[in-house]
Amino acid sequence: TEPPDDTPRRPRRVRPSTRRYTRARTVLLHEVDGELFLASAREQSIFHLNPVGAGLWQLLEEPTSAAEAVEIMQDAFPEADPREIAQDITALFRDMRANRL
């Protein structure tokens, strides 16, 4: 047997989808004391948006893919780790789809 390879492994790349999404028409944006919330009558739910989520919601005014959103957010936050941005945006799209937002 060979000794274990101690070479650091590259983090797994997140490949955001190129499928285009837009806001659900049944979801409304509300601002309360400077905080942003999405209200879904269909799901009878309220969702708090952090700054990245609020930015993504603004982008979704027009059809936008996760890949486009990642690129825009990486340009907006050049000091942030691009892989982390890609992971966050991918997770946000997944959560928004799951909650029909």
Protein backbone atom coordinates (compact mmCIF):
# COMPACT_ATOMS: atom_id res chain seq x y z
CA THR A 1 0.00 0.00 0.00
CA GLU A 2 1.00 3.59 -0.58
CA PRO A 3 1.18 6.20 2.17
CA PRO A 4 -1.71 8.70 2.24
CA ASP A 5 -1.30 11.69 -0.02
CA ASP A 6 -0.99 14.86 2.11
CA THR A 7 -1.65 17.14 -0.84
CA PRO A 8 -4.43 19.57 0.06
CA ARG A 9 -7.59 18.93 -1.91
CA ARG A 10 -9.38 21.67 -3.71
CA PRO A 11 -12.81 22.50 -2.36
CA ARG A 12 -15.69 21.08 -4.33
CA ARG A 13 -16.85 23.60 -6.91
CA VAL A 14 -20.44 24.72 -6.86
CA ARG A 15 -21.81 25.02 -10.34
CA PRO A 16 -24.84 27.29 -10.23
CA SER A 17 -27.73 26.53 -12.54
CA THR A 18 -28.23 28.41 -15.78
CA ARG A 19 -32.02 27.92 -15.55
CA ARG A 20 -33.68 31.35 -15.31
CA TYR A 21 -36.02 32.25 -12.45
CA THR A 22 -38.20 35.20 -11.55
CA ARG A 23 -40.22 36.21 -8.51
CA ALA A 24 -43.42 34.34 -7.74
CA ARG A 25 -46.34 36.67 -8.43
CA THR A 26 -48.09 35.59 -5.24
CA VAL A 27 -45.21 36.73 -2.98
CA LEU A 28 -45.04 40.28 -1.66
CA LEU A 29 -42.07 42.19 -0.24
CA HIS A 30 -42.63 44.08 3.03
CA GLU A 31 -40.27 46.36 4.93
CA VAL A 32 -40.61 46.57 8.71
CA ASP A 33 -38.17 48.72 10.70
CA GLY A 34 -35.57 48.48 7.94
CA GLU A 35 -35.85 44.68 7.69
CA LEU A 36 -37.16 42.99 4.55
CA PHE A 37 -39.67 40.15 4.57
CA LEU A 38 -41.38 38.09 1.90
CA ALA A 39 -45.00 37.18 2.52
CA SER A 40 -46.50 34.25 0.66
CA ALA A 41 -50.27 34.04 0.76
CA ARG A 42 -50.16 30.67 -1.02
CA GLU A 43 -47.81 29.13 1.53
CA GLN A 44 -49.18 31.25 4.41
CA SER A 45 -45.59 32.01 5.36
CA ILE A 46 -43.31 34.95 6.08
CA PHE A 47 -39.58 34.85 5.28
CA HIS A 48 -36.91 37.24 6.56
CA LEU A 49 -34.34 38.35 3.97
CA ASN A 50 -30.71 38.94 4.89
CA PRO A 51 -28.76 41.40 2.69
CA VAL A 52 -27.77 38.70 0.17
CA GLY A 53 -31.36 37.43 0.02
CA ALA A 54 -32.64 40.99 -0.47
CA GLY A 55 -30.15 41.51 -3.29
CA LEU A 56 -31.21 38.25 -4.92
CA TRP A 57 -34.88 39.23 -4.63
CA GLN A 58 -34.10 42.52 -6.41
CA LEU A 59 -32.29 40.63 -9.20
CA LEU A 60 -35.32 38.36 -9.64
CA GLU A 61 -37.39 41.31 -10.84
CA GLU A 62 -36.12 40.13 -14.24
CA PRO A 63 -35.51 36.48 -15.21
CA THR A 64 -32.13 35.58 -13.69
CA SER A 65 -30.16 32.35 -13.42
CA ALA A 66 -28.22 31.29 -10.35
CA ALA A 67 -25.04 31.56 -12.44
CA GLU A 68 -25.86 35.19 -13.32
CA ALA A 69 -26.74 35.99 -9.72
CA VAL A 70 -23.44 34.51 -8.51
CA GLU A 71 -21.47 36.59 -11.01
CA ILE A 72 -23.29 39.80 -10.04
CA MET A 73 -22.85 39.15 -6.30
CA GLN A 74 -19.16 38.29 -6.76
CA ASP A 75 -18.69 41.63 -8.56
CA ALA A 76 -20.61 43.42 -5.78
CA PHE A 77 -18.57 41.77 -3.01
CA PRO A 78 -15.03 41.33 -4.43
CA GLU A 79 -13.52 40.83 -0.96
CA ALA A 80 -15.73 37.80 -0.27
CA ASP A 81 -14.74 34.23 -1.12
CA PRO A 82 -16.26 33.51 -4.56
CA ARG A 83 -16.93 29.86 -3.63
CA GLU A 84 -18.85 30.95 -0.54
CA ILE A 85 -20.94 33.35 -2.61
CA ALA A 86 -21.70 30.58 -5.10
CA GLN A 87 -22.71 28.22 -2.27
CA ASP A 88 -24.90 30.88 -0.62
CA ILE A 89 -26.68 31.82 -3.84
CA THR A 90 -27.20 28.18 -4.79
CA ALA A 91 -28.70 27.51 -1.34
CA LEU A 92 -30.93 30.59 -1.58
CA PHE A 93 -32.29 29.51 -4.96
CA ARG A 94 -32.92 26.01 -3.55
CA ASP A 95 -34.77 27.47 -0.53
CA MET A 96 -36.80 29.86 -2.69
CA ARG A 97 -37.84 27.02 -5.02
CA ALA A 98 -38.73 24.78 -2.07
CA ASN A 99 -40.88 27.55 -0.57
CA ARG A 100 -42.40 28.61 -3.92
CA LEU A 101 -41.02 32.11 -3.69
